[in-house]
């Protein structure tokens, strides 16, 4: 007889995921303290280091409600995310072209 319950991750793995999430939140808070509040999702994506904060991190932050102040609702933030990430990529490319 097969067990139909999903396998749980080991406790240490869940702890590691929590530490990683906390690190990304800390990076965003440090950026906010250094340069002021974020006006929009686009501003957040442009100001935070894209090598460390990925699309999946932004999606998790939106789903958790951490970015509720940046948009009308979570669904609208999820719709804005691809454009915000494109804007970030073009901003990085233009900065590198100047150098």
PDB file of N, CA and C in Angstrom:
ATOM      1  N   UNK A   1       0.831  -1.163   0.000  1.00  0.00           N
ATOM      2  CA  UNK A   1       0.000   0.000   0.000  1.00  0.00           C
ATOM      3  C   UNK A   1       0.889   1.243   0.000  1.00  0.00           C
ATOM      4  N   UNK A   2       0.588   2.199  -0.868  1.00  0.00           N
ATOM      5  CA  UNK A   2       1.415   3.399  -0.958  1.00  0.00           C
ATOM      6  C   UNK A   2       0.909   4.473  -0.012  1.00  0.00           C
ATOM      7  N   UNK A   3       1.831   5.246   0.429  1.00  0.00           N
ATOM      8  CA  UNK A   3       1.506   6.348   1.324  1.00  0.00           C
ATOM      9  C   UNK A   3       1.135   7.561   0.474  1.00  0.00           C
ATOM     10  N   UNK A   4      -0.065   8.091   0.614  1.00  0.00           N
ATOM     11  CA  UNK A   4      -0.524   9.200  -0.217  1.00  0.00           C
ATOM     12  C   UNK A   4      -0.156  10.563   0.357  1.00  0.00           C
ATOM     13  N   UNK A   5       0.359  10.594   1.574  1.00  0.00           N
ATOM     14  CA  UNK A   5       0.741  11.875   2.149  1.00  0.00           C
ATOM     15  C   UNK A   5       2.029  12.372   1.502  1.00  0.00           C
ATOM     16  N   UNK A   6       2.105  13.689   1.246  1.00  0.00           N
ATOM     17  CA  UNK A   6       3.345  14.220   0.677  1.00  0.00           C
ATOM     18  C   UNK A   6       4.480  14.143   1.693  1.00  0.00           C
ATOM     19  N   UNK A   7       5.664  13.971   1.184  1.00  0.00           N
ATOM     20  CA  UNK A   7       6.827  13.912   2.060  1.00  0.00           C
ATOM     21  C   UNK A   7       7.156  15.303   2.562  1.00  0.00           C
ATOM     22  N   UNK A   8       7.459  15.405   3.805  1.00  0.00           N
ATOM     23  CA  UNK A   8       7.846  16.696   4.391  1.00  0.00           C
ATOM     24  C   UNK A   8       9.346  16.872   4.252  1.00  0.00           C
ATOM     25  N   UNK A   9       9.730  18.109   4.070  1.00  0.00           N
ATOM     26  CA  UNK A   9      11.153  18.415   4.020  1.00  0.00           C
ATOM     27  C   UNK A   9      11.737  18.271   5.421  1.00  0.00           C
ATOM     28  N   UNK A  10      13.004  17.901   5.501  1.00  0.00           N
ATOM     29  CA  UNK A  10      13.629  17.839   6.817  1.00  0.00           C
ATOM     30  C   UNK A  10      13.573  19.205   7.499  1.00  0.00           C
ATOM     31  N   UNK A  11      13.486  19.226   8.780  1.00  0.00           N
ATOM     32  CA  UNK A  11      13.361  20.466   9.537  1.00  0.00           C
ATOM     33  C   UNK A  11      14.509  21.430   9.240  1.00  0.00           C
ATOM     34  N   UNK A  12      15.695  20.933   9.081  1.00  0.00           N
ATOM     35  CA  UNK A  12      16.842  21.805   8.829  1.00  0.00           C
ATOM     36  C   UNK A  12      16.705  22.520   7.486  1.00  0.00           C
ATOM     37  N   UNK A  13      16.098  21.865   6.493  1.00  0.00           N
ATOM     38  CA  UNK A  13      15.889  22.475   5.178  1.00  0.00           C
ATOM     39  C   UNK A  13      14.912  23.634   5.295  1.00  0.00           C
ATOM     40  N   UNK A  14      13.821  23.450   6.030  1.00  0.00           N
ATOM     41  CA  UNK A  14      12.860  24.527   6.234  1.00  0.00           C
ATOM     42  C   UNK A  14      13.508  25.695   6.966  1.00  0.00           C
ATOM     43  N   UNK A  15      14.355  25.402   7.917  1.00  0.00           N
ATOM     44  CA  UNK A  15      15.066  26.457   8.641  1.00  0.00           C
ATOM     45  C   UNK A  15      15.972  27.232   7.689  1.00  0.00           C
ATOM     46  N   UNK A  16      16.655  26.540   6.815  1.00  0.00           N
ATOM     47  CA  UNK A  16      17.539  27.186   5.846  1.00  0.00           C
ATOM     48  C   UNK A  16      16.744  28.114   4.932  1.00  0.00           C
ATOM     49  N   UNK A  17      15.579  27.682   4.466  1.00  0.00           N
ATOM     50  CA  UNK A  17      14.746  28.534   3.614  1.00  0.00           C
ATOM     51  C   UNK A  17      14.333  29.797   4.365  1.00  0.00           C
ATOM     52  N   UNK A  18      14.009  29.663   5.636  1.00  0.00           N
ATOM     53  CA  UNK A  18      13.655  30.828   6.444  1.00  0.00           C
ATOM     54  C   UNK A  18      14.806  31.810   6.574  1.00  0.00           C
ATOM     55  N   UNK A  19      16.012  31.308   6.745  1.00  0.00           N
ATOM     56  CA  UNK A  19      17.196  32.159   6.850  1.00  0.00           C
ATOM     57  C   UNK A  19      17.437  32.899   5.533  1.00  0.00           C
ATOM     58  N   UNK A  20      17.265  32.211   4.425  1.00  0.00           N
ATOM     59  CA  UNK A  20      17.459  32.837   3.111  1.00  0.00           C
ATOM     60  C   UNK A  20      16.441  33.949   2.907  1.00  0.00           C
ATOM     61  N   UNK A  21      15.179  33.691   3.220  1.00  0.00           N
ATOM     62  CA  UNK A  21      14.144  34.725   3.079  1.00  0.00           C
ATOM     63  C   UNK A  21      14.466  35.931   3.949  1.00  0.00           C
ATOM     64  N   UNK A  22      14.926  35.686   5.146  1.00  0.00           N
ATOM     65  CA  UNK A  22      15.276  36.765   6.064  1.00  0.00           C
ATOM     66  C   UNK A  22      16.422  37.600   5.498  1.00  0.00           C
ATOM     67  N   UNK A  23      17.396  36.964   4.870  1.00  0.00           N
ATOM     68  CA  UNK A  23      18.525  37.674   4.279  1.00  0.00           C
ATOM     69  C   UNK A  23      18.066  38.621   3.179  1.00  0.00           C
ATOM     70  N   UNK A  24      17.168  38.159   2.296  1.00  0.00           N
ATOM     71  CA  UNK A  24      16.681  39.018   1.214  1.00  0.00           C
ATOM     72  C   UNK A  24      15.878  40.186   1.773  1.00  0.00           C
ATOM     73  N   UNK A  25      15.075  39.932   2.777  1.00  0.00           N
ATOM     74  CA  UNK A  25      14.312  41.008   3.411  1.00  0.00           C
ATOM     75  C   UNK A  25      15.263  42.019   4.036  1.00  0.00           C
ATOM     76  N   UNK A  26      16.334  41.556   4.660  1.00  0.00           N
ATOM     77  CA  UNK A  26      17.324  42.441   5.265  1.00  0.00           C
ATOM     78  C   UNK A  26      17.982  43.320   4.203  1.00  0.00           C
ATOM     79  N   UNK A  27      18.317  42.752   3.045  1.00  0.00           N
ATOM     80  CA  UNK A  27      18.924  43.532   1.957  1.00  0.00           C
ATOM     81  C   UNK A  27      17.996  44.654   1.514  1.00  0.00           C
ATOM     82  N   UNK A  28      16.723  44.348   1.381  1.00  0.00           N
ATOM     83  CA  UNK A  28      15.753  45.341   0.932  1.00  0.00           C
ATOM     84  C   UNK A  28      15.590  46.431   1.992  1.00  0.00           C
ATOM     85  N   UNK A  29      15.551  46.051   3.249  1.00  0.00           N
ATOM     86  CA  UNK A  29      15.422  47.036   4.337  1.00  0.00           C
ATOM     87  C   UNK A  29      16.647  47.946   4.368  1.00  0.00           C
ATOM     88  N   UNK A  30      17.834  47.384   4.187  1.00  0.00           N
ATOM     89  CA  UNK A  30      19.047  48.198   4.191  1.00  0.00           C
ATOM     90  C   UNK A  30      19.028  49.223   3.055  1.00  0.00           C
ATOM     91  N   UNK A  31      18.566  48.828   1.888  1.00  0.00           N
ATOM     92  CA  UNK A  31      18.458  49.750   0.751  1.00  0.00           C
ATOM     93  C   UNK A  31      17.462  50.859   1.058  1.00  0.00           C
ATOM     94  N   UNK A  32      16.364  50.502   1.674  1.00  0.00           N
ATOM     95  CA  UNK A  32      15.346  51.502   2.030  1.00  0.00           C
ATOM     96  C   UNK A  32      15.884  52.490   3.059  1.00  0.00           C
ATOM     97  N   UNK A  33      16.596  52.010   4.053  1.00  0.00           N
ATOM     98  CA  UNK A  33      17.162  52.903   5.059  1.00  0.00           C
ATOM     99  C   UNK A  33      18.217  53.836   4.464  1.00  0.00           C
ATOM    100  N   UNK A  34      18.986  53.325   3.530  1.00  0.00           N
ATOM    101  CA  UNK A  34      20.061  54.122   2.929  1.00  0.00           C
ATOM    102  C   UNK A  34      19.538  55.178   1.958  1.00  0.00           C
ATOM    103  N   UNK A  35      18.492  54.858   1.196  1.00  0.00           N
ATOM    104  CA  UNK A  35      18.053  55.739   0.111  1.00  0.00           C
ATOM    105  C   UNK A  35      16.589  56.129   0.142  1.00  0.00           C
ATOM    106  N   UNK A  36      15.887  55.844   1.212  1.00  0.00           N
ATOM    107  CA  UNK A  36      14.488  56.260   1.319  1.00  0.00           C
ATOM    108  C   UNK A  36      13.515  55.191   0.855  1.00  0.00           C
ATOM    109  N   UNK A  37      12.243  55.483   1.065  1.00  0.00           N
ATOM    110  CA  UNK A  37      11.171  54.536   0.738  1.00  0.00           C
ATOM    111  C   UNK A  37      11.076  54.290  -0.763  1.00  0.00           C
ATOM    112  N   UNK A  38      10.550  53.139  -1.101  1.00  0.00           N
ATOM    113  CA  UNK A  38      10.334  52.786  -2.499  1.00  0.00           C
ATOM    114  C   UNK A  38       8.988  53.348  -2.946  1.00  0.00           C
ATOM    115  N   UNK A  39       8.966  54.034  -4.084  1.00  0.00           N
ATOM    116  CA  UNK A  39       7.730  54.619  -4.591  1.00  0.00           C
ATOM    117  C   UNK A  39       6.888  53.608  -5.354  1.00  0.00           C
ATOM    118  N   UNK A  40       7.549  52.632  -5.968  1.00  0.00           N
ATOM    119  CA  UNK A  40       6.839  51.661  -6.804  1.00  0.00           C
ATOM    120  C   UNK A  40       7.630  50.363  -6.881  1.00  0.00           C
ATOM    121  N   UNK A  41       7.013  49.373  -7.494  1.00  0.00           N
ATOM    122  CA  UNK A  41       7.688  48.098  -7.705  1.00  0.00           C
ATOM    123  C   UNK A  41       8.885  48.274  -8.635  1.00  0.00           C
ATOM    124  N   UNK A  42       8.750  49.134  -9.633  1.00  0.00           N
ATOM    125  CA  UNK A  42       9.850  49.402 -10.564  1.00  0.00           C
ATOM    126  C   UNK A  42      11.039  49.996  -9.811  1.00  0.00           C
ATOM    127  N   UNK A  43      10.769  50.949  -8.915  1.00  0.00           N
ATOM    128  CA  UNK A  43      11.845  51.560  -8.132  1.00  0.00           C
ATOM    129  C   UNK A  43      12.534  50.519  -7.255  1.00  0.00           C
ATOM    130  N   UNK A  44      11.762  49.628  -6.667  1.00  0.00           N
ATOM    131  CA  UNK A  44      12.335  48.565  -5.849  1.00  0.00           C
ATOM    132  C   UNK A  44      13.243  47.672  -6.686  1.00  0.00           C
ATOM    133  N   UNK A  45      12.762  47.250  -7.840  1.00  0.00           N
ATOM    134  CA  UNK A  45      13.559  46.359  -8.700  1.00  0.00           C
ATOM    135  C   UNK A  45      14.840  47.033  -9.171  1.00  0.00           C
ATOM    136  N   UNK A  46      14.790  48.319  -9.441  1.00  0.00           N
ATOM    137  CA  UNK A  46      15.980  49.030  -9.913  1.00  0.00           C
ATOM    138  C   UNK A  46      17.020  49.225  -8.813  1.00  0.00           C
ATOM    139  N   UNK A  47      16.571  49.418  -7.597  1.00  0.00           N
ATOM    140  CA  UNK A  47      17.500  49.756  -6.518  1.00  0.00           C
ATOM    141  C   UNK A  47      18.123  48.559  -5.815  1.00  0.00           C
ATOM    142  N   UNK A  48      17.488  47.402  -5.867  1.00  0.00           N
ATOM    143  CA  UNK A  48      18.000  46.221  -5.167  1.00  0.00           C
ATOM    144  C   UNK A  48      18.867  45.408  -6.131  1.00  0.00           C
ATOM    145  N   UNK A  49      19.951  44.862  -5.632  1.00  0.00           N
ATOM    146  CA  UNK A  49      20.912  44.103  -6.452  1.00  0.00           C
ATOM    147  C   UNK A  49      20.241  42.911  -7.130  1.00  0.00           C
ATOM    148  N   UNK A  50      20.190  42.952  -8.444  1.00  0.00           N
ATOM    149  CA  UNK A  50      19.485  41.919  -9.208  1.00  0.00           C
ATOM    150  C   UNK A  50      20.209  40.583  -9.216  1.00  0.00           C
ATOM    151  N   UNK A  51      21.474  40.567  -8.860  1.00  0.00           N
ATOM    152  CA  UNK A  51      22.184  39.291  -8.813  1.00  0.00           C
ATOM    153  C   UNK A  51      21.792  38.474  -7.597  1.00  0.00           C
ATOM    154  N   UNK A  52      21.245  39.147  -6.588  1.00  0.00           N
ATOM    155  CA  UNK A  52      20.900  38.460  -5.349  1.00  0.00           C
ATOM    156  C   UNK A  52      19.397  38.280  -5.163  1.00  0.00           C
ATOM    157  N   UNK A  53      18.617  39.248  -5.619  1.00  0.00           N
ATOM    158  CA  UNK A  53      17.163  39.168  -5.466  1.00  0.00           C
ATOM    159  C   UNK A  53      16.569  38.831  -6.824  1.00  0.00           C
ATOM    160  N   UNK A  54      16.032  37.636  -6.945  1.00  0.00           N
ATOM    161  CA  UNK A  54      15.532  37.140  -8.219  1.00  0.00           C
ATOM    162  C   UNK A  54      14.017  37.302  -8.330  1.00  0.00           C
ATOM    163  N   UNK A  55      13.497  36.930  -9.486  1.00  0.00           N
ATOM    164  CA  UNK A  55      12.060  36.994  -9.733  1.00  0.00           C
ATOM    165  C   UNK A  55      11.277  36.202  -8.690  1.00  0.00           C
ATOM    166  N   UNK A  56      11.769  35.037  -8.359  1.00  0.00           N
ATOM    167  CA  UNK A  56      11.074  34.194  -7.374  1.00  0.00           C
ATOM    168  C   UNK A  56      11.015  34.859  -6.005  1.00  0.00           C
ATOM    169  N   UNK A  57      12.048  35.595  -5.650  1.00  0.00           N
ATOM    170  CA  UNK A  57      12.050  36.312  -4.373  1.00  0.00           C
ATOM    171  C   UNK A  57      10.986  37.400  -4.401  1.00  0.00           C
ATOM    172  N   UNK A  58      10.937  38.168  -5.495  1.00  0.00           N
ATOM    173  CA  UNK A  58       9.907  39.204  -5.611  1.00  0.00           C
ATOM    174  C   UNK A  58       8.509  38.590  -5.553  1.00  0.00           C
ATOM    175  N   UNK A  59       8.310  37.462  -6.250  1.00  0.00           N
ATOM    176  CA  UNK A  59       7.001  36.799  -6.227  1.00  0.00           C
ATOM    177  C   UNK A  59       6.629  36.381  -4.805  1.00  0.00           C
ATOM    178  N   UNK A  60       7.590  35.841  -4.065  1.00  0.00           N
ATOM    179  CA  UNK A  60       7.317  35.424  -2.686  1.00  0.00           C
ATOM    180  C   UNK A  60       6.997  36.626  -1.808  1.00  0.00           C
ATOM    181  N   UNK A  61       7.702  37.728  -2.008  1.00  0.00           N
ATOM    182  CA  UNK A  61       7.428  38.936  -1.233  1.00  0.00           C
ATOM    183  C   UNK A  61       6.038  39.489  -1.534  1.00  0.00           C
ATOM    184  N   UNK A  62       5.655  39.445  -2.803  1.00  0.00           N
ATOM    185  CA  UNK A  62       4.314  39.921  -3.178  1.00  0.00           C
ATOM    186  C   UNK A  62       3.252  39.029  -2.563  1.00  0.00           C
ATOM    187  N   UNK A  63       3.416  37.722  -2.701  1.00  0.00           N
ATOM    188  CA  UNK A  63       2.421  36.788  -2.162  1.00  0.00           C
ATOM    189  C   UNK A  63       2.283  36.885  -0.646  1.00  0.00           C
ATOM    190  N   UNK A  64       3.387  37.184   0.023  1.00  0.00           N
ATOM    191  CA  UNK A  64       3.348  37.257   1.487  1.00  0.00           C
ATOM    192  C   UNK A  64       2.750  38.565   1.998  1.00  0.00           C
ATOM    193  N   UNK A  65       2.612  39.540   1.121  1.00  0.00           N
ATOM    194  CA  UNK A  65       2.058  40.824   1.529  1.00  0.00           C
ATOM    195  C   UNK A  65       3.107  41.847   1.917  1.00  0.00           C
ATOM    196  N   UNK A  66       4.370  41.513   1.759  1.00  0.00           N
ATOM    197  CA  UNK A  66       5.445  42.422   2.158  1.00  0.00           C
ATOM    198  C   UNK A  66       5.506  43.673   1.284  1.00  0.00           C
ATOM    199  N   UNK A  67       4.950  43.615   0.078  1.00  0.00           N
ATOM    200  CA  UNK A  67       5.008  44.750  -0.840  1.00  0.00           C
ATOM    201  C   UNK A  67       3.632  45.373  -1.077  1.00  0.00           C
ATOM    202  N   UNK A  68       2.710  45.164  -0.178  1.00  0.00           N
ATOM    203  CA  UNK A  68       1.340  45.666  -0.358  1.00  0.00           C
ATOM    204  C   UNK A  68       1.267  47.176  -0.540  1.00  0.00           C
ATOM    205  N   UNK A  69       2.164  47.929   0.051  1.00  0.00           N
ATOM    206  CA  UNK A  69       2.128  49.388  -0.061  1.00  0.00           C
ATOM    207  C   UNK A  69       2.540  49.886  -1.444  1.00  0.00           C
ATOM    208  N   UNK A  70       3.094  49.029  -2.281  1.00  0.00           N
ATOM    209  CA  UNK A  70       3.576  49.459  -3.591  1.00  0.00           C
ATOM    210  C   UNK A  70       2.545  49.328  -4.703  1.00  0.00           C
ATOM    211  N   UNK A  71       1.387  48.759  -4.415  1.00  0.00           N
ATOM    212  CA  UNK A  71       0.399  48.580  -5.466  1.00  0.00           C
ATOM    213  C   UNK A  71      -1.009  48.532  -4.925  1.00  0.00           C
ATOM    214  N   UNK A  72      -1.945  48.525  -5.841  1.00  0.00           N
ATOM    215  CA  UNK A  72      -3.355  48.497  -5.470  1.00  0.00           C
ATOM    216  C   UNK A  72      -3.712  47.200  -4.752  1.00  0.00           C
ATOM    217  N   UNK A  73      -3.242  46.088  -5.305  1.00  0.00           N
ATOM    218  CA  UNK A  73      -3.441  44.785  -4.672  1.00  0.00           C
ATOM    219  C   UNK A  73      -2.353  43.837  -5.145  1.00  0.00           C
ATOM    220  N   UNK A  74      -2.329  42.652  -4.603  1.00  0.00           N
ATOM    221  CA  UNK A  74      -1.262  41.698  -4.930  1.00  0.00           C
ATOM    222  C   UNK A  74      -1.327  41.224  -6.371  1.00  0.00           C
ATOM    223  N   UNK A  75      -2.532  41.064  -6.892  1.00  0.00           N
ATOM    224  CA  UNK A  75      -2.674  40.632  -8.289  1.00  0.00           C
ATOM    225  C   UNK A  75      -2.088  41.675  -9.238  1.00  0.00           C
ATOM    226  N   UNK A  76      -2.315  42.934  -8.957  1.00  0.00           N
ATOM    227  CA  UNK A  76      -1.759  43.982  -9.820  1.00  0.00           C
ATOM    228  C   UNK A  76      -0.234  44.023  -9.710  1.00  0.00           C
ATOM    229  N   UNK A  77       0.299  43.781  -8.518  1.00  0.00           N
ATOM    230  CA  UNK A  77       1.752  43.726  -8.367  1.00  0.00           C
ATOM    231  C   UNK A  77       2.339  42.567  -9.161  1.00  0.00           C
ATOM    232  N   UNK A  78       1.666  41.422  -9.133  1.00  0.00           N
ATOM    233  CA  UNK A  78       2.148  40.269  -9.914  1.00  0.00           C
ATOM    234  C   UNK A  78       2.113  40.575 -11.408  1.00  0.00           C
ATOM    235  N   UNK A  79       1.123  41.338 -11.851  1.00  0.00           N
ATOM    236  CA  UNK A  79       1.049  41.717 -13.267  1.00  0.00           C
ATOM    237  C   UNK A  79       2.135  42.731 -13.630  1.00  0.00           C
ATOM    238  N   UNK A  80       2.504  43.591 -12.706  1.00  0.00           N
ATOM    239  CA  UNK A  80       3.529  44.608 -12.950  1.00  0.00           C
ATOM    240  C   UNK A  80       4.945  44.049 -12.904  1.00  0.00           C
ATOM    241  N   UNK A  81       5.119  42.916 -12.267  1.00  0.00           N
ATOM    242  CA  UNK A  81       6.459  42.376 -12.030  1.00  0.00           C
ATOM    243  C   UNK A  81       7.272  42.149 -13.311  1.00  0.00           C
ATOM    244  N   UNK A  82       6.742  41.520 -14.363  1.00  0.00           N
ATOM    245  CA  UNK A  82       7.575  41.330 -15.565  1.00  0.00           C
ATOM    246  C   UNK A  82       8.072  42.649 -16.161  1.00  0.00           C
ATOM    247  N   UNK A  83       7.220  43.667 -16.183  1.00  0.00           N
ATOM    248  CA  UNK A  83       7.639  44.972 -16.710  1.00  0.00           C
ATOM    249  C   UNK A  83       8.679  45.627 -15.805  1.00  0.00           C
ATOM    250  N   UNK A  84       8.522  45.475 -14.501  1.00  0.00           N
ATOM    251  CA  UNK A  84       9.497  46.034 -13.557  1.00  0.00           C
ATOM    252  C   UNK A  84      10.856  45.367 -13.732  1.00  0.00           C
ATOM    253  N   UNK A  85      10.858  44.058 -13.954  1.00  0.00           N
ATOM    254  CA  UNK A  85      12.123  43.343 -14.147  1.00  0.00           C
ATOM    255  C   UNK A  85      12.768  43.725 -15.479  1.00  0.00           C
ATOM    256  N   UNK A  86      11.966  43.951 -16.514  1.00  0.00           N
ATOM    257  CA  UNK A  86      12.512  44.423 -17.800  1.00  0.00           C
ATOM    258  C   UNK A  86      13.120  45.804 -17.641  1.00  0.00           C
ATOM    259  N   UNK A  87      12.452  46.647 -16.891  1.00  0.00           N
ATOM    260  CA  UNK A  87      12.958  47.997 -16.635  1.00  0.00           C
ATOM    261  C   UNK A  87      14.293  47.929 -15.900  1.00  0.00           C
ATOM    262  N   UNK A  88      14.389  47.017 -14.948  1.00  0.00           N
ATOM    263  CA  UNK A  88      15.640  46.835 -14.212  1.00  0.00           C
ATOM    264  C   UNK A  88      16.749  46.387 -15.157  1.00  0.00           C
ATOM    265  N   UNK A  89      16.439  45.457 -16.052  1.00  0.00           N
ATOM    266  CA  UNK A  89      17.446  44.947 -16.987  1.00  0.00           C
ATOM    267  C   UNK A  89      17.924  46.053 -17.927  1.00  0.00           C
ATOM    268  N   UNK A  90      17.005  46.875 -18.414  1.00  0.00           N
ATOM    269  CA  UNK A  90      17.408  47.958 -19.310  1.00  0.00           C
ATOM    270  C   UNK A  90      18.214  49.012 -18.563  1.00  0.00           C
ATOM    271  N   UNK A  91      17.893  49.241 -17.306  1.00  0.00           N
ATOM    272  CA  UNK A  91      18.644  50.188 -16.484  1.00  0.00           C
ATOM    273  C   UNK A  91      20.074  49.701 -16.279  1.00  0.00           C
ATOM    274  N   UNK A  92      20.239  48.415 -16.028  1.00  0.00           N
ATOM    275  CA  UNK A  92      21.568  47.833 -15.844  1.00  0.00           C
ATOM    276  C   UNK A  92      22.360  47.902 -17.140  1.00  0.00           C
ATOM    277  N   UNK A  93      21.713  47.609 -18.266  1.00  0.00           N
ATOM    278  CA  UNK A  93      22.396  47.640 -19.561  1.00  0.00           C
ATOM    279  C   UNK A  93      22.854  49.052 -19.902  1.00  0.00           C
ATOM    280  N   UNK A  94      22.040  50.056 -19.641  1.00  0.00           N
ATOM    281  CA  UNK A  94      22.431  51.422 -19.945  1.00  0.00           C
ATOM    282  C   UNK A  94      23.575  51.901 -19.041  1.00  0.00           C
ATOM    283  N   UNK A  95      23.577  51.453 -17.797  1.00  0.00           N
ATOM    284  CA  UNK A  95      24.641  51.797 -16.870  1.00  0.00           C
ATOM    285  C   UNK A  95      25.963  51.182 -17.320  1.00  0.00           C
ATOM    286  N   UNK A  96      25.926  49.940 -17.786  1.00  0.00           N
ATOM    287  CA  UNK A  96      27.135  49.272 -18.249  1.00  0.00           C
ATOM    288  C   UNK A  96      27.638  49.865 -19.553  1.00  0.00           C
ATOM    289  N   UNK A  97      26.736  50.375 -20.403  1.00  0.00           N
ATOM    290  CA  UNK A  97      27.145  50.991 -21.672  1.00  0.00           C
ATOM    291  C   UNK A  97      27.878  52.297 -21.429  1.00  0.00           C
ATOM    292  N   UNK A  98      27.519  53.020 -20.380  1.00  0.00           N
ATOM    293  CA  UNK A  98      28.162  54.279 -20.061  1.00  0.00           C
ATOM    294  C   UNK A  98      29.577  54.058 -19.564  1.00  0.00           C
ATOM    295  N   UNK A  99      29.794  52.966 -18.841  1.00  0.00           N
ATOM    296  CA  UNK A  99      31.111  52.691 -18.255  1.00  0.00           C
ATOM    297  C   UNK A  99      32.082  52.281 -19.282  1.00  0.00           C
TER     298      UNK A  99
END
